[in-house]
């Protein structure tokens, strides 16, 4: 009877060891899986941050382009305005000259 008890105890111990090993392997696998997921999250986070940074830089560049374009348009407007004023002055001068000439002819 004692021998049977010892055998039963040995079998039970072996089963417990097997279960313990299975549990350890399972935990190890879960740990590895978690590490892999964490690594992926970091990659994704880094990628997202880079993407956001690139987007911000692009927006900044676009804004600068728009600003320069707007400045250029403003300068063109000023040029046209100056040209128009100059033409008006010239026309006024020519008109005055013509009027003076006509008055002289009348006299």
C-alpha atoms as a PDB file:
ATOM      1  CA  UNK A   1       0.000   0.000   0.000  1.00  0.00           C
ATOM      2  CA  UNK A   2       2.837   2.346   0.866  1.00  0.00           C
ATOM      3  CA  UNK A   3       4.409   1.663  -2.526  1.00  0.00           C
ATOM      4  CA  UNK A   4       1.135   2.470  -4.298  1.00  0.00           C
ATOM      5  CA  UNK A   5       0.877   5.720  -2.392  1.00  0.00           C
ATOM      6  CA  UNK A   6       4.431   6.615  -3.369  1.00  0.00           C
ATOM      7  CA  UNK A   7       3.709   5.816  -7.023  1.00  0.00           C
ATOM      8  CA  UNK A   8       0.548   7.888  -6.923  1.00  0.00           C
ATOM      9  CA  UNK A   9       2.473  10.747  -5.312  1.00  0.00           C
ATOM     10  CA  UNK A  10       5.181  10.493  -7.983  1.00  0.00           C
ATOM     11  CA  UNK A  11       2.589  10.531 -10.771  1.00  0.00           C
ATOM     12  CA  UNK A  12       0.871  13.481  -9.178  1.00  0.00           C
ATOM     13  CA  UNK A  13       4.193  15.325  -8.839  1.00  0.00           C
ATOM     14  CA  UNK A  14       5.032  14.604 -12.483  1.00  0.00           C
ATOM     15  CA  UNK A  15       1.630  15.896 -13.578  1.00  0.00           C
ATOM     16  CA  UNK A  16       2.073  19.012 -11.467  1.00  0.00           C
ATOM     17  CA  UNK A  17       5.529  19.568 -12.971  1.00  0.00           C
ATOM     18  CA  UNK A  18       4.137  19.167 -16.490  1.00  0.00           C
ATOM     19  CA  UNK A  19       1.340  21.623 -15.738  1.00  0.00           C
ATOM     20  CA  UNK A  20       3.822  23.995 -14.145  1.00  0.00           C
ATOM     21  CA  UNK A  21       6.044  23.812 -17.246  1.00  0.00           C
ATOM     22  CA  UNK A  22       3.031  24.385 -19.510  1.00  0.00           C
ATOM     23  CA  UNK A  23       2.039  27.380 -17.404  1.00  0.00           C
ATOM     24  CA  UNK A  24       5.588  28.774 -17.576  1.00  0.00           C
ATOM     25  CA  UNK A  25       5.688  28.322 -21.356  1.00  0.00           C
ATOM     26  CA  UNK A  26       2.297  29.971 -21.670  1.00  0.00           C
ATOM     27  CA  UNK A  27       3.460  32.924 -19.552  1.00  0.00           C
ATOM     28  CA  UNK A  28       6.664  33.190 -21.558  1.00  0.00           C
ATOM     29  CA  UNK A  29       4.705  33.223 -24.822  1.00  0.00           C
ATOM     30  CA  UNK A  30       2.371  35.898 -23.474  1.00  0.00           C
ATOM     31  CA  UNK A  31       5.352  37.966 -22.370  1.00  0.00           C
ATOM     32  CA  UNK A  32       6.964  37.682 -25.813  1.00  0.00           C
ATOM     33  CA  UNK A  33       3.672  38.575 -27.453  1.00  0.00           C
ATOM     34  CA  UNK A  34       3.313  41.622 -25.204  1.00  0.00           C
ATOM     35  CA  UNK A  35       6.888  42.716 -25.956  1.00  0.00           C
ATOM     36  CA  UNK A  36       6.218  42.385 -29.673  1.00  0.00           C
ATOM     37  CA  UNK A  37       3.002  44.408 -29.356  1.00  0.00           C
ATOM     38  CA  UNK A  38       4.794  47.086 -27.346  1.00  0.00           C
ATOM     39  CA  UNK A  39       7.514  47.241 -29.984  1.00  0.00           C
ATOM     40  CA  UNK A  40       4.874  47.627 -32.703  1.00  0.00           C
ATOM     41  CA  UNK A  41       3.122  50.336 -30.705  1.00  0.00           C
ATOM     42  CA  UNK A  42       6.388  52.235 -30.364  1.00  0.00           C
ATOM     43  CA  UNK A  43       7.040  51.895 -34.104  1.00  0.00           C
ATOM     44  CA  UNK A  44       3.520  53.047 -34.876  1.00  0.00           C
ATOM     45  CA  UNK A  45       3.768  55.929 -32.424  1.00  0.00           C
ATOM     46  CA  UNK A  46       7.095  57.000 -33.900  1.00  0.00           C
ATOM     47  CA  UNK A  47       5.680  56.679 -37.420  1.00  0.00           C
ATOM     48  CA  UNK A  48       2.617  58.721 -36.451  1.00  0.00           C
ATOM     49  CA  UNK A  49       4.805  61.390 -34.868  1.00  0.00           C
ATOM     50  CA  UNK A  50       6.988  61.577 -37.983  1.00  0.00           C
ATOM     51  CA  UNK A  51       3.911  61.718 -40.171  1.00  0.00           C
ATOM     52  CA  UNK A  52       2.479  64.547 -38.086  1.00  0.00           C
ATOM     53  CA  UNK A  53       5.787  66.398 -38.154  1.00  0.00           C
ATOM     54  CA  UNK A  54       5.995  66.025 -41.943  1.00  0.00           C
ATOM     55  CA  UNK A  55       2.424  67.244 -42.284  1.00  0.00           C
ATOM     56  CA  UNK A  56       3.178  70.284 -40.144  1.00  0.00           C
ATOM     57  CA  UNK A  57       6.311  71.040 -42.150  1.00  0.00           C
ATOM     58  CA  UNK A  58       4.370  70.734 -45.395  1.00  0.00           C
ATOM     59  CA  UNK A  59       1.676  73.071 -44.091  1.00  0.00           C
ATOM     60  CA  UNK A  60       4.338  75.533 -43.042  1.00  0.00           C
ATOM     61  CA  UNK A  61       5.912  75.408 -46.498  1.00  0.00           C
ATOM     62  CA  UNK A  62       2.519  75.881 -48.140  1.00  0.00           C
ATOM     63  CA  UNK A  63       1.798  78.849 -45.896  1.00  0.00           C
ATOM     64  CA  UNK A  64       5.131  80.427 -46.808  1.00  0.00           C
ATOM     65  CA  UNK A  65       4.375  79.888 -50.502  1.00  0.00           C
ATOM     66  CA  UNK A  66       0.961  81.507 -50.099  1.00  0.00           C
ATOM     67  CA  UNK A  67       2.496  84.378 -48.176  1.00  0.00           C
ATOM     68  CA  UNK A  68       5.112  84.985 -50.874  1.00  0.00           C
ATOM     69  CA  UNK A  69       2.469  84.768 -53.568  1.00  0.00           C
ATOM     70  CA  UNK A  70       0.296  87.216 -51.706  1.00  0.00           C
ATOM     71  CA  UNK A  71       3.254  89.600 -51.287  1.00  0.00           C
ATOM     72  CA  UNK A  72       4.011  89.291 -54.984  1.00  0.00           C
ATOM     73  CA  UNK A  73       0.400  90.085 -55.868  1.00  0.00           C
ATOM     74  CA  UNK A  74       0.476  93.075 -53.548  1.00  0.00           C
ATOM     75  CA  UNK A  75       3.657  94.334 -55.218  1.00  0.00           C
ATOM     76  CA  UNK A  76       2.082  93.884 -58.655  1.00  0.00           C
ATOM     77  CA  UNK A  77      -0.929  95.856 -57.470  1.00  0.00           C
ATOM     78  CA  UNK A  78       1.325  98.657 -56.265  1.00  0.00           C
ATOM     79  CA  UNK A  79       3.209  98.674 -59.582  1.00  0.00           C
ATOM     80  CA  UNK A  80      -0.041  98.921 -61.536  1.00  0.00           C
ATOM     81  CA  UNK A  81      -1.271 101.687 -59.280  1.00  0.00           C
ATOM     82  CA  UNK A  82       1.955 103.678 -59.726  1.00  0.00           C
ATOM     83  CA  UNK A  83       1.858 103.121 -63.471  1.00  0.00           C
ATOM     84  CA  UNK A  84      -1.734 104.322 -63.628  1.00  0.00           C
ATOM     85  CA  UNK A  85      -0.928 107.435 -61.597  1.00  0.00           C
ATOM     86  CA  UNK A  86       2.048 108.137 -63.855  1.00  0.00           C
ATOM     87  CA  UNK A  87      -0.087 107.721 -66.984  1.00  0.00           C
ATOM     88  CA  UNK A  88      -2.746 110.013 -65.546  1.00  0.00           C
ATOM     89  CA  UNK A  89      -0.135 112.671 -64.818  1.00  0.00           C
ATOM     90  CA  UNK A  90       1.288 112.350 -68.336  1.00  0.00           C
ATOM     91  CA  UNK A  91      -2.177 112.593 -69.875  1.00  0.00           C
ATOM     92  CA  UNK A  92      -2.982 115.629 -67.767  1.00  0.00           C
ATOM     93  CA  UNK A  93       0.307 117.233 -68.800  1.00  0.00           C
ATOM     94  CA  UNK A  94      -0.352 116.495 -72.492  1.00  0.00           C
ATOM     95  CA  UNK A  95      -3.875 117.878 -72.187  1.00  0.00           C
ATOM     96  CA  UNK A  96      -2.557 121.055 -70.592  1.00  0.00           C
ATOM     97  CA  UNK A  97       0.041 121.418 -73.329  1.00  0.00           C
ATOM     98  CA  UNK A  98      -2.606 120.970 -75.971  1.00  0.00           C
ATOM     99  CA  UNK A  99      -4.894 123.530 -74.316  1.00  0.00           C
ATOM    100  CA  UNK A 100      -2.049 126.020 -74.073  1.00  0.00           C
ATOM    101  CA  UNK A 101      -1.226 125.489 -77.727  1.00  0.00           C
ATOM    102  CA  UNK A 102      -4.868 126.028 -78.713  1.00  0.00           C
ATOM    103  CA  UNK A 103      -5.068 129.205 -76.636  1.00  0.00           C
ATOM    104  CA  UNK A 104      -1.919 130.539 -78.250  1.00  0.00           C
ATOM    105  CA  UNK A 105      -3.378 129.797 -81.662  1.00  0.00           C
ATOM    106  CA  UNK A 106      -6.562 131.673 -80.773  1.00  0.00           C
ATOM    107  CA  UNK A 107      -4.577 134.736 -79.886  1.00  0.00           C
END
